[in-house]
Amino acid sequence: MSVAAIATMTTRTGLKVFTTILDKPYQTGRKVAENFKATMKIIFDQHLPQWNYFAKPELQVI
């Protein structure tokens, strides 16, 4: 399925689909700070918080 096809999808109730394609390889072997998870801010959506949320890490210099 193409990105264009995915972007035009909707649900019966009108929910629109958002998609992003990463076109570069993931860098392996990167290290994160030990308290990375502890400082991760989880932001829940107001409509369906049990399904819709995103994680926003604090910017940390290692």
PDB file of N, CA and C in Angstrom:
ATOM      1  N   MET A   1       0.855  -1.173   0.000  1.00  0.00           N
ATOM      2  CA  MET A   1       0.000   0.000   0.000  1.00  0.00           C
ATOM      3  C   MET A   1       0.899   1.234   0.000  1.00  0.00           C
ATOM      4  N   SER A   2       0.560   2.211  -0.789  1.00  0.00           N
ATOM      5  CA  SER A   2       1.387   3.413  -0.893  1.00  0.00           C
ATOM      6  C   SER A   2       1.050   4.429   0.190  1.00  0.00           C
ATOM      7  N   VAL A   3       1.958   5.360   0.404  1.00  0.00           N
ATOM      8  CA  VAL A   3       1.743   6.425   1.387  1.00  0.00           C
ATOM      9  C   VAL A   3       0.524   7.251   0.990  1.00  0.00           C
ATOM     10  N   ALA A   4       0.369   7.523  -0.291  1.00  0.00           N
ATOM     11  CA  ALA A   4      -0.776   8.308  -0.762  1.00  0.00           C
ATOM     12  C   ALA A   4      -2.082   7.589  -0.446  1.00  0.00           C
ATOM     13  N   ALA A   5      -2.112   6.279  -0.635  1.00  0.00           N
ATOM     14  CA  ALA A   5      -3.325   5.509  -0.336  1.00  0.00           C
ATOM     15  C   ALA A   5      -3.624   5.517   1.160  1.00  0.00           C
ATOM     16  N   ILE A   6      -2.605   5.371   1.983  1.00  0.00           N
ATOM     17  CA  ILE A   6      -2.799   5.381   3.431  1.00  0.00           C
ATOM     18  C   ILE A   6      -3.317   6.739   3.883  1.00  0.00           C
ATOM     19  N   ALA A   7      -2.770   7.811   3.319  1.00  0.00           N
ATOM     20  CA  ALA A   7      -3.144   9.175   3.722  1.00  0.00           C
ATOM     21  C   ALA A   7      -4.586   9.519   3.381  1.00  0.00           C
ATOM     22  N   THR A   8      -5.201   8.821   2.437  1.00  0.00           N
ATOM     23  CA  THR A   8      -6.590   9.111   2.084  1.00  0.00           C
ATOM     24  C   THR A   8      -7.594   8.286   2.869  1.00  0.00           C
ATOM     25  N   MET A   9      -7.139   7.397   3.720  1.00  0.00           N
ATOM     26  CA  MET A   9      -8.033   6.537   4.492  1.00  0.00           C
ATOM     27  C   MET A   9      -8.761   7.318   5.587  1.00  0.00           C
ATOM     28  N   THR A  10      -9.973   6.912   5.878  1.00  0.00           N
ATOM     29  CA  THR A  10     -10.734   7.433   7.004  1.00  0.00           C
ATOM     30  C   THR A  10     -11.532   6.281   7.603  1.00  0.00           C
ATOM     31  N   THR A  11     -12.026   6.473   8.814  1.00  0.00           N
ATOM     32  CA  THR A  11     -12.889   5.476   9.428  1.00  0.00           C
ATOM     33  C   THR A  11     -14.340   5.855   9.148  1.00  0.00           C
ATOM     34  N   ARG A  12     -15.250   5.015   9.533  1.00  0.00           N
ATOM     35  CA  ARG A  12     -16.677   5.302   9.326  1.00  0.00           C
ATOM     36  C   ARG A  12     -17.122   6.561  10.067  1.00  0.00           C
ATOM     37  N   THR A  13     -16.443   6.865  11.168  1.00  0.00           N
ATOM     38  CA  THR A  13     -16.813   8.045  11.954  1.00  0.00           C
ATOM     39  C   THR A  13     -16.050   9.291  11.533  1.00  0.00           C
ATOM     40  N   GLY A  14     -15.194   9.171  10.517  1.00  0.00           N
ATOM     41  CA  GLY A  14     -14.505  10.339   9.991  1.00  0.00           C
ATOM     42  C   GLY A  14     -13.091  10.556  10.484  1.00  0.00           C
ATOM     43  N   LEU A  15     -12.555   9.618  11.277  1.00  0.00           N
ATOM     44  CA  LEU A  15     -11.188   9.746  11.757  1.00  0.00           C
ATOM     45  C   LEU A  15     -10.238   9.651  10.570  1.00  0.00           C
ATOM     46  N   LYS A  16      -9.335  10.599  10.445  1.00  0.00           N
ATOM     47  CA  LYS A  16      -8.379  10.592   9.341  1.00  0.00           C
ATOM     48  C   LYS A  16      -7.062   9.970   9.787  1.00  0.00           C
ATOM     49  N   VAL A  17      -6.396   9.333   8.857  1.00  0.00           N
ATOM     50  CA  VAL A  17      -5.142   8.649   9.122  1.00  0.00           C
ATOM     51  C   VAL A  17      -3.988   9.588   8.812  1.00  0.00           C
ATOM     52  N   PHE A  18      -2.980   9.600   9.673  1.00  0.00           N
ATOM     53  CA  PHE A  18      -1.766  10.374   9.461  1.00  0.00           C
ATOM     54  C   PHE A  18      -0.612   9.401   9.352  1.00  0.00           C
ATOM     55  N   THR A  19       0.234   9.575   8.378  1.00  0.00           N
ATOM     56  CA  THR A  19       1.367   8.682   8.212  1.00  0.00           C
ATOM     57  C   THR A  19       2.630   9.461   7.874  1.00  0.00           C
ATOM     58  N   THR A  20       3.740   8.931   8.313  1.00  0.00           N
ATOM     59  CA  THR A  20       5.044   9.505   7.989  1.00  0.00           C
ATOM     60  C   THR A  20       5.971   8.361   7.600  1.00  0.00           C
ATOM     61  N   ILE A  21       6.698   8.545   6.534  1.00  0.00           N
ATOM     62  CA  ILE A  21       7.658   7.540   6.089  1.00  0.00           C
ATOM     63  C   ILE A  21       9.059   8.075   6.356  1.00  0.00           C
ATOM     64  N   LEU A  22       9.839   7.298   7.079  1.00  0.00           N
ATOM     65  CA  LEU A  22      11.234   7.649   7.318  1.00  0.00           C
ATOM     66  C   LEU A  22      12.055   7.028   6.186  1.00  0.00           C
ATOM     67  N   ASP A  23      12.759   7.856   5.449  1.00  0.00           N
ATOM     68  CA  ASP A  23      13.483   7.353   4.288  1.00  0.00           C
ATOM     69  C   ASP A  23      14.982   7.211   4.522  1.00  0.00           C
ATOM     70  N   LYS A  24      15.386   7.189   5.771  1.00  0.00           N
ATOM     71  CA  LYS A  24      16.802   6.969   6.056  1.00  0.00           C
ATOM     72  C   LYS A  24      16.923   5.817   7.052  1.00  0.00           C
ATOM     73  N   PRO A  25      18.049   5.136   7.064  1.00  0.00           N
ATOM     74  CA  PRO A  25      18.206   3.990   7.979  1.00  0.00           C
ATOM     75  C   PRO A  25      18.308   4.434   9.429  1.00  0.00           C
ATOM     76  N   TYR A  26      17.859   3.571  10.299  1.00  0.00           N
ATOM     77  CA  TYR A  26      17.987   3.822  11.729  1.00  0.00           C
ATOM     78  C   TYR A  26      19.445   3.647  12.133  1.00  0.00           C
ATOM     79  N   GLN A  27      19.907   4.494  13.023  1.00  0.00           N
ATOM     80  CA  GLN A  27      21.267   4.374  13.532  1.00  0.00           C
ATOM     81  C   GLN A  27      21.248   3.380  14.697  1.00  0.00           C
ATOM     82  N   THR A  28      22.079   2.380  14.628  1.00  0.00           N
ATOM     83  CA  THR A  28      22.138   1.376  15.694  1.00  0.00           C
ATOM     84  C   THR A  28      23.281   1.695  16.644  1.00  0.00           C
ATOM     85  N   GLY A  29      23.231   1.123  17.821  1.00  0.00           N
ATOM     86  CA  GLY A  29      24.301   1.273  18.789  1.00  0.00           C
ATOM     87  C   GLY A  29      24.271   2.559  19.585  1.00  0.00           C
ATOM     88  N   ARG A  30      23.212   3.357  19.453  1.00  0.00           N
ATOM     89  CA  ARG A  30      23.125   4.607  20.201  1.00  0.00           C
ATOM     90  C   ARG A  30      22.790   4.318  21.657  1.00  0.00           C
ATOM     91  N   LYS A  31      23.310   5.099  22.552  1.00  0.00           N
ATOM     92  CA  LYS A  31      23.057   4.948  23.985  1.00  0.00           C
ATOM     93  C   LYS A  31      22.119   6.064  24.451  1.00  0.00           C
ATOM     94  N   VAL A  32      21.299   5.768  25.422  1.00  0.00           N
ATOM     95  CA  VAL A  32      20.411   6.771  26.011  1.00  0.00           C
ATOM     96  C   VAL A  32      20.757   6.941  27.476  1.00  0.00           C
ATOM     97  N   ALA A  33      20.362   8.049  28.040  1.00  0.00           N
ATOM     98  CA  ALA A  33      20.621   8.307  29.452  1.00  0.00           C
ATOM     99  C   ALA A  33      19.895   7.266  30.306  1.00  0.00           C
ATOM    100  N   GLU A  34      20.444   6.955  31.465  1.00  0.00           N
ATOM    101  CA  GLU A  34      19.845   5.936  32.337  1.00  0.00           C
ATOM    102  C   GLU A  34      18.445   6.307  32.782  1.00  0.00           C
ATOM    103  N   ASN A  35      18.172   7.588  32.977  1.00  0.00           N
ATOM    104  CA  ASN A  35      16.846   8.007  33.444  1.00  0.00           C
ATOM    105  C   ASN A  35      15.928   8.399  32.286  1.00  0.00           C
ATOM    106  N   PHE A  36      16.224   7.910  31.095  1.00  0.00           N
ATOM    107  CA  PHE A  36      15.444   8.246  29.899  1.00  0.00           C
ATOM    108  C   PHE A  36      13.953   7.954  30.085  1.00  0.00           C
ATOM    109  N   LYS A  37      13.619   6.752  30.524  1.00  0.00           N
ATOM    110  CA  LYS A  37      12.208   6.404  30.724  1.00  0.00           C
ATOM    111  C   LYS A  37      11.575   7.223  31.848  1.00  0.00           C
ATOM    112  N   ALA A  38      12.327   7.486  32.881  1.00  0.00           N
ATOM    113  CA  ALA A  38      11.796   8.233  34.020  1.00  0.00           C
ATOM    114  C   ALA A  38      11.452   9.672  33.648  1.00  0.00           C
ATOM    115  N   THR A  39      12.167  10.221  32.674  1.00  0.00           N
ATOM    116  CA  THR A  39      11.920  11.611  32.282  1.00  0.00           C
ATOM    117  C   THR A  39      11.031  11.722  31.046  1.00  0.00           C
ATOM    118  N   MET A  40      10.541  10.603  30.564  1.00  0.00           N
ATOM    119  CA  MET A  40       9.680  10.590  29.380  1.00  0.00           C
ATOM    120  C   MET A  40       8.294  11.102  29.754  1.00  0.00           C
ATOM    121  N   LYS A  41       7.836  12.108  29.054  1.00  0.00           N
ATOM    122  CA  LYS A  41       6.502  12.654  29.308  1.00  0.00           C
ATOM    123  C   LYS A  41       5.523  11.996  28.338  1.00  0.00           C
ATOM    124  N   ILE A  42       4.470  11.372  28.870  1.00  0.00           N
ATOM    125  CA  ILE A  42       3.439  10.749  28.057  1.00  0.00           C
ATOM    126  C   ILE A  42       2.260  11.719  27.985  1.00  0.00           C
ATOM    127  N   ILE A  43       1.866  12.071  26.772  1.00  0.00           N
ATOM    128  CA  ILE A  43       0.766  13.010  26.566  1.00  0.00           C
ATOM    129  C   ILE A  43      -0.402  12.230  25.974  1.00  0.00           C
ATOM    130  N   PHE A  44      -1.501  12.180  26.723  1.00  0.00           N
ATOM    131  CA  PHE A  44      -2.673  11.418  26.306  1.00  0.00           C
ATOM    132  C   PHE A  44      -3.666  12.313  25.569  1.00  0.00           C
ATOM    133  N   ASP A  45      -4.267  11.762  24.535  1.00  0.00           N
ATOM    134  CA  ASP A  45      -5.287  12.458  23.774  1.00  0.00           C
ATOM    135  C   ASP A  45      -6.554  12.583  24.616  1.00  0.00           C
ATOM    136  N   GLN A  46      -7.317  13.627  24.400  1.00  0.00           N
ATOM    137  CA  GLN A  46      -8.539  13.824  25.174  1.00  0.00           C
ATOM    138  C   GLN A  46      -9.655  12.875  24.748  1.00  0.00           C
ATOM    139  N   HIS A  47      -9.670  12.458  23.475  1.00  0.00           N
ATOM    140  CA  HIS A  47     -10.781  11.653  22.980  1.00  0.00           C
ATOM    141  C   HIS A  47     -10.682  10.181  23.405  1.00  0.00           C
ATOM    142  N   LEU A  48      -9.631   9.510  23.090  1.00  0.00           N
ATOM    143  CA  LEU A  48      -9.447   8.105  23.473  1.00  0.00           C
ATOM    144  C   LEU A  48      -8.051   7.933  24.072  1.00  0.00           C
ATOM    145  N   PRO A  49      -7.861   8.381  25.297  1.00  0.00           N
ATOM    146  CA  PRO A  49      -6.518   8.365  25.868  1.00  0.00           C
ATOM    147  C   PRO A  49      -5.914   6.971  26.008  1.00  0.00           C
ATOM    148  N   GLN A  50      -6.734   5.940  26.103  1.00  0.00           N
ATOM    149  CA  GLN A  50      -6.186   4.590  26.240  1.00  0.00           C
ATOM    150  C   GLN A  50      -5.578   4.110  24.922  1.00  0.00           C
ATOM    151  N   TRP A  51      -5.937   4.739  23.793  1.00  0.00           N
ATOM    152  CA  TRP A  51      -5.396   4.352  22.493  1.00  0.00           C
ATOM    153  C   TRP A  51      -4.526   5.435  21.869  1.00  0.00           C
ATOM    154  N   ASN A  52      -4.813   6.687  22.154  1.00  0.00           N
ATOM    155  CA  ASN A  52      -4.136   7.789  21.479  1.00  0.00           C
ATOM    156  C   ASN A  52      -3.257   8.568  22.452  1.00  0.00           C
ATOM    157  N   TYR A  53      -1.973   8.444  22.271  1.00  0.00           N
ATOM    158  CA  TYR A  53      -1.024   9.153  23.114  1.00  0.00           C
ATOM    159  C   TYR A  53       0.308   9.236  22.372  1.00  0.00           C
ATOM    160  N   PHE A  54       1.182  10.106  22.842  1.00  0.00           N
ATOM    161  CA  PHE A  54       2.531  10.103  22.311  1.00  0.00           C
ATOM    162  C   PHE A  54       3.518  10.376  23.428  1.00  0.00           C
ATOM    163  N   ALA A  55       4.737   9.932  23.221  1.00  0.00           N
ATOM    164  CA  ALA A  55       5.791  10.094  24.212  1.00  0.00           C
ATOM    165  C   ALA A  55       6.683  11.243  23.782  1.00  0.00           C
ATOM    166  N   LYS A  56       6.967  12.132  24.714  1.00  0.00           N
ATOM    167  CA  LYS A  56       7.801  13.300  24.431  1.00  0.00           C
ATOM    168  C   LYS A  56       8.963  13.303  25.421  1.00  0.00           C
ATOM    169  N   PRO A  57      10.137  12.862  24.973  1.00  0.00           N
ATOM    170  CA  PRO A  57      11.278  12.832  25.891  1.00  0.00           C
ATOM    171  C   PRO A  57      11.840  14.227  26.124  1.00  0.00           C
ATOM    172  N   GLU A  58      12.421  14.407  27.294  1.00  0.00           N
ATOM    173  CA  GLU A  58      13.120  15.660  27.573  1.00  0.00           C
ATOM    174  C   GLU A  58      14.437  15.631  26.803  1.00  0.00           C
ATOM    175  N   LEU A  59      14.843  16.762  26.313  1.00  0.00           N
ATOM    176  CA  LEU A  59      16.125  16.861  25.619  1.00  0.00           C
ATOM    177  C   LEU A  59      17.239  16.729  26.641  1.00  0.00           C
ATOM    178  N   GLN A  60      18.081  15.724  26.436  1.00  0.00           N
ATOM    179  CA  GLN A  60      19.180  15.478  27.369  1.00  0.00           C
ATOM    180  C   GLN A  60      20.484  15.391  26.601  1.00  0.00           C
ATOM    181  N   VAL A  61      21.518  15.953  27.151  1.00  0.00           N
ATOM    182  CA  VAL A  61      22.842  15.873  26.568  1.00  0.00           C
ATOM    183  C   VAL A  61      23.606  14.788  27.305  1.00  0.00           C
ATOM    184  N   ILE A  62      24.145  13.857  26.553  1.00  0.00           N
ATOM    185  CA  ILE A  62      24.873  12.723  27.167  1.00  0.00           C
ATOM    186  C   ILE A  62      26.360  12.983  27.079  1.00  0.00           C
TER     187      ILE A  62
END
